[in-house]
Amino acid sequence: MSHDLSALTVRKLTVDLAGGFARHWHSGDAYRTMYYNALSMSFPVGEQSFIDSVRDTMDRLPADVRYDTLRADIAQFIGQEATHRHLHGQYNAQLAKQGLVNHWENWATARIQWARRRKLSPMYMLAVTAAYEHCTAVFGDGALRYDRWLAKAEPKMRLMWRWHAAEETEHKAVAFDLYRALGGSERQRVLTYLYVLFMFALESHAQTINNLWHDGTLFKPRTWWGFATMFFGRDGVVWRSTGPMLKYLLPSFHPNRHGDPALAERWLAAHHDKWRAVR
């Protein structure tokens, strides 16, 4: 399958996180830093699961030229996710050196193994991927749209997170389109999304609190001021993300009807010297 059929590009970012970064790299704010660190902790296992879910189902697509573009998009999606997985592996190795403990990857691994033991349908795992991809696309859109989300972060960390955000918004529809093309049910799509939202909220905050505990900043008032301003301040995550998150529940929902692809296009063009195309 020719990759030329896909509008997606697999890129390699010039940032190398193996050299480390500041303990409170996000504007000196413990809560913001530890929340983003928690997200990173989930990515290597999560993104491998996303890759596996599309690989396990893509062969079910009919042998029809109508699906050639989707097949090409899946190949590029896998490439992008594999690159994210590698870079966040470097990121997480630095977090371990800083004394943080990654529980989220263990929670995610246990769920994936449980699903395999129970022999849950590959379509269920694909529905999980489509749900998480919407969550990451909403956060990605916000990271590119609202400058204050990352404006005061350490430059290389801001670059890494906005590159990741741009690619998440680029490929946000791939798993969803595959799920729809294979006849996935609306009931499963919606119920799976509600489950994913609950688990994401629970585990992201549980890991953040654990990070703050190991960081020694859990009980500092300034930490919780960071929480309040991040989620409820100007351009707070709650105000800017709740509506887009809930749109997934609509029967008419499609990822490409939400968000602004021009945000990613402009960011990638403005930072073209920071990445190179792999394919």
Protein backbone atom coordinates (compact mmCIF):
# COMPACT_ATOMS: atom_id res chain seq x y z
CA MET A 1 0.00 0.00 0.00
CA SER A 2 1.41 3.37 -1.06
CA HIS A 3 1.83 5.88 1.75
CA ASP A 4 1.20 8.61 -0.86
CA LEU A 5 -2.52 7.95 -0.52
CA SER A 6 -2.43 9.25 3.04
CA ALA A 7 -2.33 12.89 4.12
CA LEU A 8 -0.49 11.83 7.29
CA THR A 9 3.27 12.12 7.69
CA VAL A 10 5.46 10.13 10.06
CA ARG A 11 7.96 12.57 11.57
CA LYS A 12 11.02 12.42 13.77
CA LEU A 13 11.34 15.30 16.23
CA THR A 14 14.80 16.77 16.78
CA VAL A 15 14.28 16.92 20.55
CA ASP A 16 16.26 14.37 22.57
CA LEU A 17 14.87 13.93 26.06
CA ALA A 18 17.60 11.49 27.11
CA GLY A 19 19.60 14.46 28.38
CA GLY A 20 16.95 15.25 30.98
CA PHE A 21 14.87 18.29 31.87
CA ALA A 22 13.99 20.37 34.91
CA ARG A 23 12.03 18.72 37.72
CA HIS A 24 9.30 21.38 37.49
CA TRP A 25 9.66 22.03 33.78
CA HIS A 26 6.20 23.55 33.37
CA SER A 27 6.59 27.16 34.57
CA GLY A 28 7.90 25.99 37.93
CA ASP A 29 4.39 24.74 38.67
CA ALA A 30 4.40 21.38 40.45
CA TYR A 31 0.80 20.42 39.64
CA ARG A 32 0.98 21.24 35.94
CA THR A 33 4.30 19.46 35.58
CA MET A 34 3.17 16.35 37.42
CA TYR A 35 -0.11 16.18 35.49
CA TYR A 36 1.66 16.26 32.13
CA ASN A 37 4.20 13.77 33.48
CA ALA A 38 1.31 11.48 34.42
CA LEU A 39 -0.04 11.66 30.87
CA SER A 40 3.36 10.72 29.49
CA MET A 41 3.51 7.72 31.82
CA SER A 42 0.41 6.27 30.14
CA PHE A 43 1.58 6.66 26.56
CA PRO A 44 4.05 3.85 25.79
CA VAL A 45 1.68 1.07 26.90
CA GLY A 46 -1.42 2.92 25.68
CA GLU A 47 -0.07 3.71 22.24
CA GLN A 48 1.17 0.15 21.75
CA SER A 49 -2.35 -1.00 22.55
CA PHE A 50 -3.75 1.44 19.98
CA ILE A 51 -1.33 0.11 17.36
CA ASP A 52 -2.29 -3.48 18.20
CA SER A 53 -6.01 -2.72 17.99
CA VAL A 54 -5.85 -1.36 14.44
CA ARG A 55 -3.47 -4.11 13.31
CA ASP A 56 -5.79 -6.75 14.72
CA THR A 57 -8.81 -5.44 12.80
CA MET A 58 -7.57 -3.79 9.60
CA ASP A 59 -7.45 -7.12 7.72
CA ARG A 60 -11.23 -7.28 8.09
CA LEU A 61 -11.62 -4.40 5.64
CA PRO A 62 -13.14 -5.52 2.33
CA ALA A 63 -10.73 -5.91 -0.58
CA ASP A 64 -12.10 -2.77 -2.20
CA VAL A 65 -10.29 0.29 -3.56
CA ARG A 66 -12.68 2.48 -1.54
CA TYR A 67 -10.64 1.56 1.55
CA ASP A 68 -7.16 2.06 0.08
CA THR A 69 -6.83 5.55 1.61
CA LEU A 70 -7.95 4.25 5.00
CA ARG A 71 -5.37 1.44 4.79
CA ALA A 72 -2.67 4.01 4.00
CA ASP A 73 -3.85 6.19 6.89
CA ILE A 74 -3.65 3.21 9.25
CA ALA A 75 -0.04 2.55 8.22
CA GLN A 76 0.86 6.18 8.90
CA PHE A 77 -1.11 6.19 12.16
CA ILE A 78 0.96 3.22 13.32
CA GLY A 79 4.14 5.05 12.36
CA GLN A 80 3.17 8.21 14.21
CA GLU A 81 2.12 6.32 17.33
CA ALA A 82 5.33 4.28 17.33
CA THR A 83 7.35 7.52 17.23
CA HIS A 84 5.33 8.94 20.13
CA ARG A 85 5.89 5.72 22.06
CA HIS A 86 9.66 5.96 21.59
CA LEU A 87 9.95 9.61 22.67
CA HIS A 88 7.71 9.14 25.70
CA GLY A 89 9.84 6.13 26.62
CA GLN A 90 12.81 8.54 26.86
CA TYR A 91 10.66 11.00 28.79
CA ASN A 92 9.53 8.37 31.29
CA ALA A 93 13.05 7.11 31.83
CA GLN A 94 13.96 10.60 33.03
CA LEU A 95 10.94 10.66 35.33
CA ALA A 96 12.12 7.42 36.90
CA LYS A 97 15.54 9.02 37.51
CA GLN A 98 13.73 11.88 39.25
CA GLY A 99 12.18 9.37 41.65
CA LEU A 100 8.68 9.16 40.19
CA VAL A 101 6.94 5.79 40.03
CA ASN A 102 4.87 4.85 36.98
CA HIS A 103 1.77 3.08 38.25
CA TRP A 104 -0.40 4.03 35.27
CA GLU A 105 1.46 1.76 32.87
CA ASN A 106 0.88 -1.13 35.28
CA TRP A 107 -2.84 -0.34 35.56
CA ALA A 108 -3.14 -0.15 31.76
CA THR A 109 -1.13 -3.34 31.24
CA ALA A 110 -3.33 -5.21 33.73
CA ARG A 111 -6.50 -4.09 31.90
CA ILE A 112 -5.12 -5.11 28.52
CA GLN A 113 -4.07 -8.51 29.82
CA TRP A 114 -7.47 -9.00 31.45
CA ALA A 115 -9.17 -8.21 28.12
CA ARG A 116 -6.98 -10.79 26.36
CA ARG A 117 -7.66 -13.46 28.98
CA ARG A 118 -11.37 -12.83 28.63
CA LYS A 119 -10.95 -12.91 24.84
CA LEU A 120 -12.83 -9.66 24.41
CA SER A 121 -13.66 -8.78 20.84
CA PRO A 122 -11.01 -6.97 18.77
CA MET A 123 -13.82 -4.55 17.90
CA TYR A 124 -14.10 -3.67 21.59
CA MET A 125 -10.38 -2.88 21.72
CA LEU A 126 -10.77 -0.78 18.59
CA ALA A 127 -13.66 1.10 20.23
CA VAL A 128 -11.37 1.77 23.21
CA THR A 129 -8.73 3.16 20.84
CA ALA A 130 -11.24 5.40 19.04
CA ALA A 131 -12.43 6.72 22.42
CA TYR A 132 -8.94 7.50 23.69
CA GLU A 133 -8.02 9.06 20.35
CA HIS A 134 -10.87 11.53 20.78
CA CYS A 135 -9.63 12.44 24.27
CA THR A 136 -6.08 13.02 23.04
CA ALA A 137 -7.36 15.00 20.04
CA VAL A 138 -9.37 17.32 22.31
CA PHE A 139 -6.34 17.92 24.53
CA GLY A 140 -4.16 18.29 21.44
CA ASP A 141 -6.46 20.91 19.97
CA GLY A 142 -6.40 22.78 23.28
CA ALA A 143 -2.60 22.67 23.52
CA LEU A 144 -2.36 24.29 20.08
CA ARG A 145 -5.31 26.67 20.42
CA TYR A 146 -4.77 28.09 23.93
CA ASP A 147 -1.28 29.46 24.26
CA ARG A 148 -1.38 29.68 28.06
CA TRP A 149 -1.64 25.87 28.33
CA LEU A 150 2.08 25.52 27.57
CA ALA A 151 3.43 29.05 27.10
CA LYS A 152 5.63 29.04 30.21
CA ALA A 153 6.91 25.50 29.85
CA GLU A 154 10.58 24.70 29.24
CA PRO A 155 11.10 25.22 25.46
CA LYS A 156 12.00 21.66 24.52
CA MET A 157 9.11 20.29 26.57
CA ARG A 158 6.69 22.76 24.99
CA LEU A 159 8.00 21.71 21.57
CA MET A 160 7.56 18.01 22.34
CA TRP A 161 4.03 18.36 23.70
CA ARG A 162 2.82 20.58 20.83
CA TRP A 163 4.37 18.25 18.23
CA HIS A 164 2.51 15.37 19.88
CA ALA A 165 -0.65 17.51 19.96
CA ALA A 166 -0.36 18.31 16.25
CA GLU A 167 -0.04 14.66 15.25
CA GLU A 168 -2.90 13.60 17.54
CA THR A 169 -5.21 16.09 15.84
CA GLU A 170 -3.96 14.90 12.42
CA HIS A 171 -4.80 11.22 12.92
CA LYS A 172 -7.80 11.60 15.25
CA ALA A 173 -10.25 9.98 12.81
CA VAL A 174 -8.26 6.88 11.78
CA ALA A 175 -9.41 4.42 14.47
CA PHE A 176 -12.94 5.86 14.37
CA ASP A 177 -13.16 5.45 10.58
CA LEU A 178 -11.90 1.88 10.82
CA TYR A 179 -14.46 1.10 13.52
CA ARG A 180 -17.26 2.53 11.39
CA ALA A 181 -16.03 0.81 8.21
CA LEU A 182 -16.14 -2.54 10.02
CA GLY A 183 -19.71 -1.99 11.17
CA GLY A 184 -19.00 -1.26 14.84
CA SER A 185 -22.17 -0.65 16.83
CA GLU A 186 -23.17 2.77 18.16
CA ARG A 187 -24.10 1.29 21.53
CA GLN A 188 -20.64 -0.18 22.00
CA ARG A 189 -19.01 3.04 20.80
CA VAL A 190 -20.88 5.22 23.32
CA LEU A 191 -20.68 2.84 26.30
CA THR A 192 -16.97 2.27 25.70
CA TYR A 193 -16.38 6.01 25.58
CA LEU A 194 -18.14 6.56 28.92
CA TYR A 195 -15.93 3.86 30.43
CA VAL A 196 -12.80 5.41 28.91
CA LEU A 197 -13.71 8.89 30.19
CA PHE A 198 -14.17 7.54 33.71
CA MET A 199 -10.92 5.57 33.69
CA PHE A 200 -8.96 8.45 32.15
CA ALA A 201 -10.19 10.94 34.76
CA LEU A 202 -9.56 8.50 37.60
CA GLU A 203 -6.12 7.29 36.55
CA SER A 204 -4.72 10.61 35.35
CA HIS A 205 -5.47 12.21 38.71
CA ALA A 206 -4.39 9.17 40.74
CA GLN A 207 -1.02 9.14 38.95
CA THR A 208 -0.68 12.91 39.32
CA ILE A 209 -1.29 12.69 43.07
CA ASN A 210 1.27 9.89 43.34
CA ASN A 211 3.76 11.99 41.38
CA LEU A 212 3.19 14.93 43.73
CA TRP A 213 3.69 12.64 46.72
CA HIS A 214 7.08 11.47 45.44
CA ASP A 215 7.91 15.05 44.46
CA GLY A 216 7.26 16.26 48.00
CA THR A 217 4.77 18.92 46.87
CA LEU A 218 1.44 17.18 47.46
CA PHE A 219 0.51 19.18 50.55
CA LYS A 220 1.81 22.58 49.48
CA PRO A 221 -0.92 25.24 48.95
CA ARG A 222 0.82 26.47 45.80
CA THR A 223 0.41 23.02 44.26
CA TRP A 224 -3.36 23.15 44.58
CA TRP A 225 -3.47 26.71 43.32
CA GLY A 226 -1.84 25.27 40.21
CA PHE A 227 -4.60 22.66 40.02
CA ALA A 228 -7.31 25.32 40.37
CA THR A 229 -5.90 27.62 37.70
CA MET A 230 -5.11 24.78 35.29
CA PHE A 231 -8.61 23.33 35.34
CA PHE A 232 -10.80 26.29 36.33
CA GLY A 233 -8.82 29.43 35.48
CA ARG A 234 -8.81 31.40 32.27
CA ASP A 235 -8.82 28.92 29.36
CA GLY A 236 -9.04 26.20 32.02
CA VAL A 237 -9.19 22.59 30.90
CA VAL A 238 -12.69 22.11 32.33
CA TRP A 239 -14.13 25.11 30.48
CA ARG A 240 -12.37 24.43 27.18
CA SER A 241 -12.52 20.62 27.00
CA THR A 242 -15.80 19.43 28.54
CA GLY A 243 -18.00 20.41 25.59
CA PRO A 244 -15.72 18.89 22.92
CA MET A 245 -15.31 15.73 25.01
CA LEU A 246 -19.08 15.21 25.32
CA LYS A 247 -19.69 15.65 21.59
CA TYR A 248 -18.44 12.10 21.11
CA LEU A 249 -21.77 10.92 22.55
CA LEU A 250 -23.79 12.44 19.70
CA PRO A 251 -25.14 9.98 17.07
CA SER A 252 -23.92 12.35 14.35
CA PHE A 253 -20.39 12.59 15.76
CA HIS A 254 -17.36 12.34 13.52
CA PRO A 255 -13.88 13.47 14.64
CA ASN A 256 -13.30 15.59 11.55
CA ARG A 257 -16.35 17.74 12.33
CA HIS A 258 -14.69 19.01 15.49
CA GLY A 259 -11.50 20.92 16.16
CA ASP A 260 -9.48 22.94 13.65
CA PRO A 261 -6.95 21.08 11.48
CA ALA A 262 -5.39 24.41 10.52
CA LEU A 263 -3.95 24.68 14.04
CA ALA A 264 -1.74 21.63 13.48
CA GLU A 265 -0.88 22.68 9.93
CA ARG A 266 0.26 26.13 11.07
CA TRP A 267 2.26 24.79 13.99
CA LEU A 268 4.02 22.15 11.89
CA ALA A 269 4.83 24.70 9.19
CA ALA A 270 6.16 27.21 11.74
CA HIS A 271 8.39 24.54 13.32
CA HIS A 272 9.43 22.66 10.16
CA ASP A 273 13.08 22.98 11.20
CA LYS A 274 12.38 20.95 14.35
CA TRP A 275 11.31 17.74 12.65
CA ARG A 276 12.01 15.66 9.56
CA ALA A 277 9.69 13.43 7.60
CA VAL A 278 10.41 9.70 7.93
CA ARG A 279 7.75 8.70 5.43
